[in-house]
């Protein structure tokens, strides 16, 4: 499971980070579960969705794109809580975990 920067970031421009959950055998990503990432509000960014639920799902990988707009240059921490589920043939496990990534934001041109 990871959260990573996607591209370059500039003040006032839309950007996003990508959350990826890869299954590890014998588990599979639960394609029926309503994955969600609850953003912890940052003072240096705005988020159009405080809770991101649009996930691309398969048994091998689930991903969520977290959009934001930076409001100041410098280091910006994007963090929050991911709710997810993985299953084996016998059982499903539902969990929550904290994720965080620091991205570098450049001044606008």
PDB file of N, CA and C in Angstrom:
ATOM      1  N   UNK A   1       0.860  -1.151   0.000  1.00  0.00           N
ATOM      2  CA  UNK A   1       0.000   0.000   0.000  1.00  0.00           C
ATOM      3  C   UNK A   1       0.911   1.220   0.000  1.00  0.00           C
ATOM      4  N   UNK A   2       0.538   2.214  -0.848  1.00  0.00           N
ATOM      5  CA  UNK A   2       1.374   3.408  -0.919  1.00  0.00           C
ATOM      6  C   UNK A   2       0.536   4.624  -1.294  1.00  0.00           C
ATOM      7  N   UNK A   3       1.103   5.790  -0.990  1.00  0.00           N
ATOM      8  CA  UNK A   3       0.558   7.060  -1.446  1.00  0.00           C
ATOM      9  C   UNK A   3       1.750   7.784  -2.057  1.00  0.00           C
ATOM     10  N   UNK A   4       1.579   8.281  -3.291  1.00  0.00           N
ATOM     11  CA  UNK A   4       2.719   8.846  -4.007  1.00  0.00           C
ATOM     12  C   UNK A   4       2.339  10.087  -4.802  1.00  0.00           C
ATOM     13  N   UNK A   5       3.342  10.937  -5.001  1.00  0.00           N
ATOM     14  CA  UNK A   5       3.190  12.127  -5.830  1.00  0.00           C
ATOM     15  C   UNK A   5       2.979  11.718  -7.280  1.00  0.00           C
ATOM     16  N   UNK A   6       2.206  12.538  -7.998  1.00  0.00           N
ATOM     17  CA  UNK A   6       1.942  12.300  -9.412  1.00  0.00           C
ATOM     18  C   UNK A   6       2.264  13.601 -10.151  1.00  0.00           C
ATOM     19  N   UNK A   7       3.406  13.662 -10.797  1.00  0.00           N
ATOM     20  CA  UNK A   7       3.755  14.852 -11.565  1.00  0.00           C
ATOM     21  C   UNK A   7       4.332  15.964 -10.721  1.00  0.00           C
ATOM     22  N   UNK A   8       4.250  17.193 -11.265  1.00  0.00           N
ATOM     23  CA  UNK A   8       4.754  18.377 -10.586  1.00  0.00           C
ATOM     24  C   UNK A   8       3.579  19.185 -10.051  1.00  0.00           C
ATOM     25  N   UNK A   9       3.850  19.998  -9.031  1.00  0.00           N
ATOM     26  CA  UNK A   9       2.795  20.767  -8.383  1.00  0.00           C
ATOM     27  C   UNK A   9       3.157  22.246  -8.381  1.00  0.00           C
ATOM     28  N   UNK A  10       2.147  23.088  -8.673  1.00  0.00           N
ATOM     29  CA  UNK A  10       2.323  24.539  -8.656  1.00  0.00           C
ATOM     30  C   UNK A  10       1.180  25.168  -7.861  1.00  0.00           C
ATOM     31  N   UNK A  11       1.487  26.263  -7.187  1.00  0.00           N
ATOM     32  CA  UNK A  11       0.469  26.992  -6.433  1.00  0.00           C
ATOM     33  C   UNK A  11      -0.665  27.386  -7.378  1.00  0.00           C
ATOM     34  N   UNK A  12      -1.890  27.123  -6.968  1.00  0.00           N
ATOM     35  CA  UNK A  12      -3.070  27.503  -7.731  1.00  0.00           C
ATOM     36  C   UNK A  12      -3.466  26.545  -8.836  1.00  0.00           C
ATOM     37  N   UNK A  13      -2.651  25.521  -9.104  1.00  0.00           N
ATOM     38  CA  UNK A  13      -2.968  24.541 -10.151  1.00  0.00           C
ATOM     39  C   UNK A  13      -3.460  23.237  -9.523  1.00  0.00           C
ATOM     40  N   UNK A  14      -4.405  22.601 -10.192  1.00  0.00           N
ATOM     41  CA  UNK A  14      -4.924  21.321  -9.707  1.00  0.00           C
ATOM     42  C   UNK A  14      -3.832  20.263  -9.786  1.00  0.00           C
ATOM     43  N   UNK A  15      -3.767  19.436  -8.764  1.00  0.00           N
ATOM     44  CA  UNK A  15      -2.831  18.321  -8.709  1.00  0.00           C
ATOM     45  C   UNK A  15      -3.487  17.171  -7.987  1.00  0.00           C
ATOM     46  N   UNK A  16      -2.772  16.064  -7.860  1.00  0.00           N
ATOM     47  CA  UNK A  16      -3.313  14.925  -7.128  1.00  0.00           C
ATOM     48  C   UNK A  16      -2.178  14.024  -6.655  1.00  0.00           C
ATOM     49  N   UNK A  17      -2.493  13.197  -5.683  1.00  0.00           N
ATOM     50  CA  UNK A  17      -1.616  12.112  -5.262  1.00  0.00           C
ATOM     51  C   UNK A  17      -2.372  10.815  -5.507  1.00  0.00           C
ATOM     52  N   UNK A  18      -1.628   9.718  -5.653  1.00  0.00           N
ATOM     53  CA  UNK A  18      -2.235   8.436  -5.988  1.00  0.00           C
ATOM     54  C   UNK A  18      -2.017   7.433  -4.863  1.00  0.00           C
ATOM     55  N   UNK A  19      -3.126   6.851  -4.409  1.00  0.00           N
ATOM     56  CA  UNK A  19      -3.081   5.780  -3.407  1.00  0.00           C
ATOM     57  C   UNK A  19      -3.241   4.465  -4.151  1.00  0.00           C
ATOM     58  N   UNK A  20      -2.349   3.511  -3.848  1.00  0.00           N
ATOM     59  CA  UNK A  20      -2.400   2.205  -4.502  1.00  0.00           C
ATOM     60  C   UNK A  20      -2.340   1.107  -3.456  1.00  0.00           C
ATOM     61  N   UNK A  21      -3.257   0.156  -3.560  1.00  0.00           N
ATOM     62  CA  UNK A  21      -3.286  -1.024  -2.707  1.00  0.00           C
ATOM     63  C   UNK A  21      -3.132  -2.239  -3.612  1.00  0.00           C
ATOM     64  N   UNK A  22      -1.997  -2.941  -3.485  1.00  0.00           N
ATOM     65  CA  UNK A  22      -1.762  -4.162  -4.248  1.00  0.00           C
ATOM     66  C   UNK A  22      -2.007  -5.363  -3.341  1.00  0.00           C
ATOM     67  N   UNK A  23      -2.767  -6.338  -3.824  1.00  0.00           N
ATOM     68  CA  UNK A  23      -3.060  -7.515  -3.008  1.00  0.00           C
ATOM     69  C   UNK A  23      -1.842  -8.435  -2.956  1.00  0.00           C
ATOM     70  N   UNK A  24      -1.759  -9.180  -1.861  1.00  0.00           N
ATOM     71  CA  UNK A  24      -0.696 -10.164  -1.655  1.00  0.00           C
ATOM     72  C   UNK A  24      -1.381 -11.494  -1.389  1.00  0.00           C
ATOM     73  N   UNK A  25      -1.067 -12.508  -2.201  1.00  0.00           N
ATOM     74  CA  UNK A  25      -1.707 -13.820  -2.060  1.00  0.00           C
ATOM     75  C   UNK A  25      -1.544 -14.329  -0.652  1.00  0.00           C
ATOM     76  N   UNK A  26      -2.556 -14.931  -0.077  1.00  0.00           N
ATOM     77  CA  UNK A  26      -3.801 -15.407  -0.663  1.00  0.00           C
ATOM     78  C   UNK A  26      -4.907 -14.350  -0.715  1.00  0.00           C
ATOM     79  N   UNK A  27      -4.607 -13.108  -0.334  1.00  0.00           N
ATOM     80  CA  UNK A  27      -5.624 -12.064  -0.311  1.00  0.00           C
ATOM     81  C   UNK A  27      -5.841 -11.449  -1.692  1.00  0.00           C
ATOM     82  N   UNK A  28      -7.057 -10.942  -1.882  1.00  0.00           N
ATOM     83  CA  UNK A  28      -7.427 -10.173  -3.072  1.00  0.00           C
ATOM     84  C   UNK A  28      -8.104  -8.896  -2.594  1.00  0.00           C
ATOM     85  N   UNK A  29      -7.959  -7.829  -3.358  1.00  0.00           N
ATOM     86  CA  UNK A  29      -8.691  -6.601  -3.048  1.00  0.00           C
ATOM     87  C   UNK A  29     -10.179  -6.896  -3.176  1.00  0.00           C
ATOM     88  N   UNK A  30     -10.952  -6.411  -2.251  1.00  0.00           N
ATOM     89  CA  UNK A  30     -12.391  -6.638  -2.244  1.00  0.00           C
ATOM     90  C   UNK A  30     -13.050  -5.643  -3.199  1.00  0.00           C
ATOM     91  N   UNK A  31     -13.427  -6.110  -4.378  1.00  0.00           N
ATOM     92  CA  UNK A  31     -14.002  -5.242  -5.413  1.00  0.00           C
ATOM     93  C   UNK A  31     -15.387  -4.721  -5.032  1.00  0.00           C
ATOM     94  N   UNK A  32     -16.025  -5.297  -4.014  1.00  0.00           N
ATOM     95  CA  UNK A  32     -17.356  -4.865  -3.581  1.00  0.00           C
ATOM     96  C   UNK A  32     -17.308  -3.823  -2.463  1.00  0.00           C
ATOM     97  N   UNK A  33     -16.156  -3.633  -1.861  1.00  0.00           N
ATOM     98  CA  UNK A  33     -16.040  -2.730  -0.712  1.00  0.00           C
ATOM     99  C   UNK A  33     -16.011  -1.261  -1.160  1.00  0.00           C
ATOM    100  N   UNK A  34     -16.647  -0.372  -0.417  1.00  0.00           N
ATOM    101  CA  UNK A  34     -16.615   1.064  -0.756  1.00  0.00           C
ATOM    102  C   UNK A  34     -15.356   1.749  -0.198  1.00  0.00           C
ATOM    103  N   UNK A  35     -14.228   1.562  -0.875  1.00  0.00           N
ATOM    104  CA  UNK A  35     -12.964   2.174  -0.451  1.00  0.00           C
ATOM    105  C   UNK A  35     -13.156   3.677  -0.298  1.00  0.00           C
ATOM    106  N   UNK A  36     -12.450   4.254   0.701  1.00  0.00           N
ATOM    107  CA  UNK A  36     -12.542   5.706   0.882  1.00  0.00           C
ATOM    108  C   UNK A  36     -11.287   6.213   1.586  1.00  0.00           C
ATOM    109  N   UNK A  37     -10.926   7.441   1.216  1.00  0.00           N
ATOM    110  CA  UNK A  37      -9.798   8.121   1.838  1.00  0.00           C
ATOM    111  C   UNK A  37     -10.317   9.423   2.407  1.00  0.00           C
ATOM    112  N   UNK A  38     -10.235   9.563   3.724  1.00  0.00           N
ATOM    113  CA  UNK A  38     -10.694  10.768   4.403  1.00  0.00           C
ATOM    114  C   UNK A  38      -9.490  11.680   4.609  1.00  0.00           C
ATOM    115  N   UNK A  39      -9.500  12.810   3.913  1.00  0.00           N
ATOM    116  CA  UNK A  39      -8.387  13.748   3.930  1.00  0.00           C
ATOM    117  C   UNK A  39      -8.317  14.474   5.269  1.00  0.00           C
ATOM    118  N   UNK A  40      -7.108  14.598   5.808  1.00  0.00           N
ATOM    119  CA  UNK A  40      -6.866  15.466   6.955  1.00  0.00           C
ATOM    120  C   UNK A  40      -6.527  16.828   6.373  1.00  0.00           C
ATOM    121  N   UNK A  41      -7.324  17.817   6.651  1.00  0.00           N
ATOM    122  CA  UNK A  41      -7.208  19.125   6.014  1.00  0.00           C
ATOM    123  C   UNK A  41      -5.848  19.749   6.311  1.00  0.00           C
ATOM    124  N   UNK A  42      -5.238  20.248   5.245  1.00  0.00           N
ATOM    125  CA  UNK A  42      -3.946  20.918   5.342  1.00  0.00           C
ATOM    126  C   UNK A  42      -4.156  22.411   5.143  1.00  0.00           C
ATOM    127  N   UNK A  43      -3.406  23.229   5.860  1.00  0.00           N
ATOM    128  CA  UNK A  43      -3.544  24.668   5.724  1.00  0.00           C
ATOM    129  C   UNK A  43      -3.015  25.212   4.416  1.00  0.00           C
ATOM    130  N   UNK A  44      -2.207  24.444   3.688  1.00  0.00           N
ATOM    131  CA  UNK A  44      -1.579  24.930   2.460  1.00  0.00           C
ATOM    132  C   UNK A  44      -2.190  24.319   1.202  1.00  0.00           C
ATOM    133  N   UNK A  45      -3.409  23.781   1.317  1.00  0.00           N
ATOM    134  CA  UNK A  45      -4.071  23.179   0.158  1.00  0.00           C
ATOM    135  C   UNK A  45      -5.582  23.171   0.363  1.00  0.00           C
ATOM    136  N   UNK A  46      -6.291  23.145  -0.753  1.00  0.00           N
ATOM    137  CA  UNK A  46      -7.737  22.952  -0.711  1.00  0.00           C
ATOM    138  C   UNK A  46      -8.048  21.630  -1.397  1.00  0.00           C
ATOM    139  N   UNK A  47      -9.096  20.987  -0.917  1.00  0.00           N
ATOM    140  CA  UNK A  47      -9.492  19.678  -1.435  1.00  0.00           C
ATOM    141  C   UNK A  47     -10.942  19.748  -1.895  1.00  0.00           C
ATOM    142  N   UNK A  48     -11.214  19.474  -3.176  1.00  0.00           N
ATOM    143  CA  UNK A  48     -12.591  19.513  -3.647  1.00  0.00           C
ATOM    144  C   UNK A  48     -13.452  18.410  -3.042  1.00  0.00           C
ATOM    145  N   UNK A  49     -12.791  17.337  -2.578  1.00  0.00           N
ATOM    146  CA  UNK A  49     -13.498  16.218  -1.960  1.00  0.00           C
ATOM    147  C   UNK A  49     -12.808  15.873  -0.642  1.00  0.00           C
ATOM    148  N   UNK A  50     -13.415  16.170   0.506  1.00  0.00           N
ATOM    149  CA  UNK A  50     -12.777  15.815   1.779  1.00  0.00           C
ATOM    150  C   UNK A  50     -12.757  14.300   2.013  1.00  0.00           C
ATOM    151  N   UNK A  51     -13.634  13.577   1.322  1.00  0.00           N
ATOM    152  CA  UNK A  51     -13.633  12.117   1.358  1.00  0.00           C
ATOM    153  C   UNK A  51     -13.660  11.628  -0.091  1.00  0.00           C
ATOM    154  N   UNK A  52     -12.597  10.934  -0.491  1.00  0.00           N
ATOM    155  CA  UNK A  52     -12.482  10.426  -1.855  1.00  0.00           C
ATOM    156  C   UNK A  52     -12.981   8.985  -1.876  1.00  0.00           C
ATOM    157  N   UNK A  53     -13.955   8.710  -2.760  1.00  0.00           N
ATOM    158  CA  UNK A  53     -14.536   7.365  -2.838  1.00  0.00           C
ATOM    159  C   UNK A  53     -14.423   6.746  -4.232  1.00  0.00           C
ATOM    160  N   UNK A  54     -14.028   7.531  -5.225  1.00  0.00           N
ATOM    161  CA  UNK A  54     -13.920   7.010  -6.594  1.00  0.00           C
ATOM    162  C   UNK A  54     -12.663   6.161  -6.699  1.00  0.00           C
ATOM    163  N   UNK A  55     -12.838   4.857  -6.724  1.00  0.00           N
ATOM    164  CA  UNK A  55     -11.707   3.927  -6.760  1.00  0.00           C
ATOM    165  C   UNK A  55     -11.758   3.083  -8.028  1.00  0.00           C
ATOM    166  N   UNK A  56     -10.595   2.829  -8.586  1.00  0.00           N
ATOM    167  CA  UNK A  56     -10.456   1.855  -9.672  1.00  0.00           C
ATOM    168  C   UNK A  56     -10.124   0.539  -8.991  1.00  0.00           C
ATOM    169  N   UNK A  57     -10.990  -0.480  -9.191  1.00  0.00           N
ATOM    170  CA  UNK A  57     -10.868  -1.721  -8.434  1.00  0.00           C
ATOM    171  C   UNK A  57     -10.640  -2.926  -9.341  1.00  0.00           C
ATOM    172  N   UNK A  58      -9.760  -3.805  -8.886  1.00  0.00           N
ATOM    173  CA  UNK A  58      -9.613  -5.146  -9.448  1.00  0.00           C
ATOM    174  C   UNK A  58      -9.187  -6.034  -8.288  1.00  0.00           C
ATOM    175  N   UNK A  59      -9.133  -7.323  -8.490  1.00  0.00           N
ATOM    176  CA  UNK A  59      -8.718  -8.212  -7.404  1.00  0.00           C
ATOM    177  C   UNK A  59      -7.240  -8.027  -7.064  1.00  0.00           C
ATOM    178  N   UNK A  60      -6.443  -7.582  -8.042  1.00  0.00           N
ATOM    179  CA  UNK A  60      -5.006  -7.428  -7.833  1.00  0.00           C
ATOM    180  C   UNK A  60      -4.625  -6.059  -7.297  1.00  0.00           C
ATOM    181  N   UNK A  61      -5.376  -5.004  -7.689  1.00  0.00           N
ATOM    182  CA  UNK A  61      -5.002  -3.644  -7.318  1.00  0.00           C
ATOM    183  C   UNK A  61      -6.230  -2.749  -7.214  1.00  0.00           C
ATOM    184  N   UNK A  62      -6.209  -1.873  -6.218  1.00  0.00           N
ATOM    185  CA  UNK A  62      -7.213  -0.816  -6.083  1.00  0.00           C
ATOM    186  C   UNK A  62      -6.454   0.500  -5.961  1.00  0.00           C
ATOM    187  N   UNK A  63      -6.947   1.530  -6.668  1.00  0.00           N
ATOM    188  CA  UNK A  63      -6.277   2.834  -6.588  1.00  0.00           C
ATOM    189  C   UNK A  63      -7.306   3.956  -6.469  1.00  0.00           C
ATOM    190  N   UNK A  64      -6.900   5.008  -5.784  1.00  0.00           N
ATOM    191  CA  UNK A  64      -7.713   6.206  -5.607  1.00  0.00           C
ATOM    192  C   UNK A  64      -6.841   7.414  -5.907  1.00  0.00           C
ATOM    193  N   UNK A  65      -7.374   8.351  -6.653  1.00  0.00           N
ATOM    194  CA  UNK A  65      -6.681   9.595  -6.938  1.00  0.00           C
ATOM    195  C   UNK A  65      -7.259  10.675  -6.030  1.00  0.00           C
ATOM    196  N   UNK A  66      -6.397  11.355  -5.274  1.00  0.00           N
ATOM    197  CA  UNK A  66      -6.815  12.372  -4.315  1.00  0.00           C
ATOM    198  C   UNK A  66      -6.471  13.751  -4.883  1.00  0.00           C
ATOM    199  N   UNK A  67      -7.468  14.493  -5.385  1.00  0.00           N
ATOM    200  CA  UNK A  67      -7.195  15.805  -5.976  1.00  0.00           C
ATOM    201  C   UNK A  67      -7.056  16.904  -4.921  1.00  0.00           C
ATOM    202  N   UNK A  68      -6.216  17.898  -5.252  1.00  0.00           N
ATOM    203  CA  UNK A  68      -6.054  19.052  -4.369  1.00  0.00           C
ATOM    204  C   UNK A  68      -5.479  20.216  -5.173  1.00  0.00           C
ATOM    205  N   UNK A  69      -5.546  21.395  -4.595  1.00  0.00           N
ATOM    206  CA  UNK A  69      -4.912  22.584  -5.151  1.00  0.00           C
ATOM    207  C   UNK A  69      -4.065  23.203  -4.056  1.00  0.00           C
ATOM    208  N   UNK A  70      -2.763  23.322  -4.312  1.00  0.00           N
ATOM    209  CA  UNK A  70      -1.847  23.917  -3.332  1.00  0.00           C
ATOM    210  C   UNK A  70      -2.060  25.422  -3.279  1.00  0.00           C
ATOM    211  N   UNK A  71      -1.953  25.984  -2.076  1.00  0.00           N
ATOM    212  CA  UNK A  71      -2.161  27.423  -1.896  1.00  0.00           C
ATOM    213  C   UNK A  71      -0.880  28.155  -1.497  1.00  0.00           C
ATOM    214  N   UNK A  72       0.222  27.413  -1.296  1.00  0.00           N
ATOM    215  CA  UNK A  72       1.496  28.038  -0.932  1.00  0.00           C
ATOM    216  C   UNK A  72       2.642  27.162  -1.440  1.00  0.00           C
ATOM    217  N   UNK A  73       3.770  27.779  -1.804  1.00  0.00           N
ATOM    218  CA  UNK A  73       4.917  26.988  -2.255  1.00  0.00           C
ATOM    219  C   UNK A  73       5.623  26.315  -1.084  1.00  0.00           C
ATOM    220  N   UNK A  74       6.417  25.290  -1.403  1.00  0.00           N
ATOM    221  CA  UNK A  74       7.192  24.578  -0.394  1.00  0.00           C
ATOM    222  C   UNK A  74       6.708  23.161  -0.197  1.00  0.00           C
ATOM    223  N   UNK A  75       7.124  22.568   0.912  1.00  0.00           N
ATOM    224  CA  UNK A  75       6.736  21.198   1.236  1.00  0.00           C
ATOM    225  C   UNK A  75       5.285  21.168   1.715  1.00  0.00           C
ATOM    226  N   UNK A  76       4.517  20.247   1.172  1.00  0.00           N
ATOM    227  CA  UNK A  76       3.109  20.092   1.530  1.00  0.00           C
ATOM    228  C   UNK A  76       2.850  18.643   1.888  1.00  0.00           C
ATOM    229  N   UNK A  77       2.341  18.409   3.086  1.00  0.00           N
ATOM    230  CA  UNK A  77       2.000  17.048   3.513  1.00  0.00           C
ATOM    231  C   UNK A  77       0.532  16.784   3.205  1.00  0.00           C
ATOM    232  N   UNK A  78       0.295  15.703   2.456  1.00  0.00           N
ATOM    233  CA  UNK A  78      -1.055  15.220   2.176  1.00  0.00           C
ATOM    234  C   UNK A  78      -1.226  13.959   3.015  1.00  0.00           C
ATOM    235  N   UNK A  79      -2.211  13.933   3.903  1.00  0.00           N
ATOM    236  CA  UNK A  79      -2.413  12.769   4.752  1.00  0.00           C
ATOM    237  C   UNK A  79      -3.884  12.531   5.012  1.00  0.00           C
ATOM    238  N   UNK A  80      -4.159  11.329   5.506  1.00  0.00           N
ATOM    239  CA  UNK A  80      -5.526  10.974   5.824  1.00  0.00           C
ATOM    240  C   UNK A  80      -5.650   9.503   6.156  1.00  0.00           C
ATOM    241  N   UNK A  81      -6.899   9.057   6.256  1.00  0.00           N
ATOM    242  CA  UNK A  81      -7.192   7.680   6.640  1.00  0.00           C
ATOM    243  C   UNK A  81      -7.830   6.928   5.481  1.00  0.00           C
ATOM    244  N   UNK A  82      -7.226   5.799   5.132  1.00  0.00           N
ATOM    245  CA  UNK A  82      -7.756   4.933   4.081  1.00  0.00           C
ATOM    246  C   UNK A  82      -8.517   3.784   4.714  1.00  0.00           C
ATOM    247  N   UNK A  83      -9.780   3.605   4.295  1.00  0.00           N
ATOM    248  CA  UNK A  83     -10.591   2.446   4.688  1.00  0.00           C
ATOM    249  C   UNK A  83     -10.573   1.479   3.519  1.00  0.00           C
ATOM    250  N   UNK A  84     -10.204   0.216   3.781  1.00  0.00           N
ATOM    251  CA  UNK A  84     -10.067  -0.759   2.693  1.00  0.00           C
ATOM    252  C   UNK A  84     -10.433  -2.148   3.179  1.00  0.00           C
ATOM    253  N   UNK A  85     -10.542  -3.068   2.221  1.00  0.00           N
ATOM    254  CA  UNK A  85     -10.872  -4.453   2.542  1.00  0.00           C
ATOM    255  C   UNK A  85     -10.145  -5.391   1.584  1.00  0.00           C
ATOM    256  N   UNK A  86      -9.623  -6.469   2.151  1.00  0.00           N
ATOM    257  CA  UNK A  86      -9.028  -7.549   1.363  1.00  0.00           C
ATOM    258  C   UNK A  86      -9.668  -8.860   1.809  1.00  0.00           C
ATOM    259  N   UNK A  87      -9.700  -9.840   0.886  1.00  0.00           N
ATOM    260  CA  UNK A  87     -10.386 -11.093   1.179  1.00  0.00           C
ATOM    261  C   UNK A  87      -9.563 -12.303   0.737  1.00  0.00           C
ATOM    262  N   UNK A  88      -9.794 -13.418   1.442  1.00  0.00           N
ATOM    263  CA  UNK A  88      -9.352 -14.728   0.985  1.00  0.00           C
ATOM    264  C   UNK A  88     -10.624 -15.473   0.586  1.00  0.00           C
ATOM    265  N   UNK A  89     -10.500 -16.725   0.219  1.00  0.00           N
ATOM    266  CA  UNK A  89     -11.683 -17.514  -0.122  1.00  0.00           C
ATOM    267  C   UNK A  89     -12.575 -17.723   1.101  1.00  0.00           C
ATOM    268  N   UNK A  90     -11.989 -17.653   2.312  1.00  0.00           N
ATOM    269  CA  UNK A  90     -12.732 -17.932   3.537  1.00  0.00           C
ATOM    270  C   UNK A  90     -13.249 -16.693   4.254  1.00  0.00           C
ATOM    271  N   UNK A  91     -12.548 -15.557   4.160  1.00  0.00           N
ATOM    272  CA  UNK A  91     -12.947 -14.401   4.968  1.00  0.00           C
ATOM    273  C   UNK A  91     -12.508 -13.093   4.325  1.00  0.00           C
ATOM    274  N   UNK A  92     -13.169 -12.028   4.761  1.00  0.00           N
ATOM    275  CA  UNK A  92     -12.782 -10.673   4.352  1.00  0.00           C
ATOM    276  C   UNK A  92     -12.343  -9.901   5.592  1.00  0.00           C
ATOM    277  N   UNK A  93     -11.361  -9.054   5.406  1.00  0.00           N
ATOM    278  CA  UNK A  93     -10.836  -8.223   6.476  1.00  0.00           C
ATOM    279  C   UNK A  93     -11.062  -6.766   6.089  1.00  0.00           C
ATOM    280  N   UNK A  94     -11.639  -5.990   6.990  1.00  0.00           N
ATOM    281  CA  UNK A  94     -11.855  -4.557   6.774  1.00  0.00           C
ATOM    282  C   UNK A  94     -10.923  -3.823   7.727  1.00  0.00           C
ATOM    283  N   UNK A  95     -10.156  -2.874   7.194  1.00  0.00           N
ATOM    284  CA  UNK A  95      -9.196  -2.150   8.014  1.00  0.00           C
ATOM    285  C   UNK A  95      -9.168  -0.679   7.651  1.00  0.00           C
ATOM    286  N   UNK A  96      -8.545   0.102   8.526  1.00  0.00           N
ATOM    287  CA  UNK A  96      -8.258   1.513   8.275  1.00  0.00           C
ATOM    288  C   UNK A  96      -6.789   1.738   8.589  1.00  0.00           C
ATOM    289  N   UNK A  97      -6.156   2.606   7.798  1.00  0.00           N
ATOM    290  CA  UNK A  97      -4.758   2.922   8.046  1.00  0.00           C
ATOM    291  C   UNK A  97      -4.475   4.369   7.677  1.00  0.00           C
ATOM    292  N   UNK A  98      -3.535   4.970   8.366  1.00  0.00           N
ATOM    293  CA  UNK A  98      -3.116   6.344   8.080  1.00  0.00           C
ATOM    294  C   UNK A  98      -2.072   6.321   6.965  1.00  0.00           C
ATOM    295  N   UNK A  99      -2.212   7.226   6.014  1.00  0.00           N
ATOM    296  CA  UNK A  99      -1.251   7.377   4.928  1.00  0.00           C
ATOM    297  C   UNK A  99      -0.845   8.836   4.839  1.00  0.00           C
ATOM    298  N   UNK A 100       0.396   9.066   4.399  1.00  0.00           N
ATOM    299  CA  UNK A 100       0.897  10.428   4.298  1.00  0.00           C
ATOM    300  C   UNK A 100       2.008  10.502   3.255  1.00  0.00           C
ATOM    301  N   UNK A 101       2.065  11.609   2.548  1.00  0.00           N
ATOM    302  CA  UNK A 101       3.159  11.851   1.597  1.00  0.00           C
ATOM    303  C   UNK A 101       3.445  13.351   1.614  1.00  0.00           C
ATOM    304  N   UNK A 102       4.713  13.711   1.416  1.00  0.00           N
ATOM    305  CA  UNK A 102       5.106  15.118   1.314  1.00  0.00           C
ATOM    306  C   UNK A 102       5.437  15.379  -0.142  1.00  0.00           C
ATOM    307  N   UNK A 103       4.808  16.411  -0.708  1.00  0.00           N
ATOM    308  CA  UNK A 103       5.071  16.823  -2.091  1.00  0.00           C
ATOM    309  C   UNK A 103       5.681  18.212  -2.080  1.00  0.00           C
ATOM    310  N   UNK A 104       6.455  18.518  -3.102  1.00  0.00           N
ATOM    311  CA  UNK A 104       7.067  19.838  -3.232  1.00  0.00           C
ATOM    312  C   UNK A 104       6.243  20.676  -4.194  1.00  0.00           C
ATOM    313  N   UNK A 105       5.872  21.873  -3.766  1.00  0.00           N
ATOM    314  CA  UNK A 105       5.036  22.764  -4.550  1.00  0.00           C
ATOM    315  C   UNK A 105       5.875  23.975  -4.977  1.00  0.00           C
ATOM    316  N   UNK A 106       5.855  24.282  -6.283  1.00  0.00           N
ATOM    317  CA  UNK A 106       6.559  25.430  -6.820  1.00  0.00           C
ATOM    318  C   UNK A 106       5.618  26.638  -6.855  1.00  0.00           C
ATOM    319  N   UNK A 107       6.210  27.823  -6.840  1.00  0.00           N
ATOM    320  CA  UNK A 107       5.422  29.047  -6.971  1.00  0.00           C
ATOM    321  C   UNK A 107       4.776  29.075  -8.361  1.00  0.00           C
ATOM    322  N   UNK A 108       3.629  29.715  -8.460  1.00  0.00           N
ATOM    323  CA  UNK A 108       2.959  29.809  -9.761  1.00  0.00           C
ATOM    324  C   UNK A 108       3.733  30.731 -10.679  1.00  0.00           C
ATOM    325  N   UNK A 109       3.554  30.556 -11.976  1.00  0.00           N
ATOM    326  CA  UNK A 109       4.273  31.403 -12.949  1.00  0.00           C
ATOM    327  C   UNK A 109       3.518  32.640 -13.254  1.00  0.00           C
TER     328      UNK A 109
END
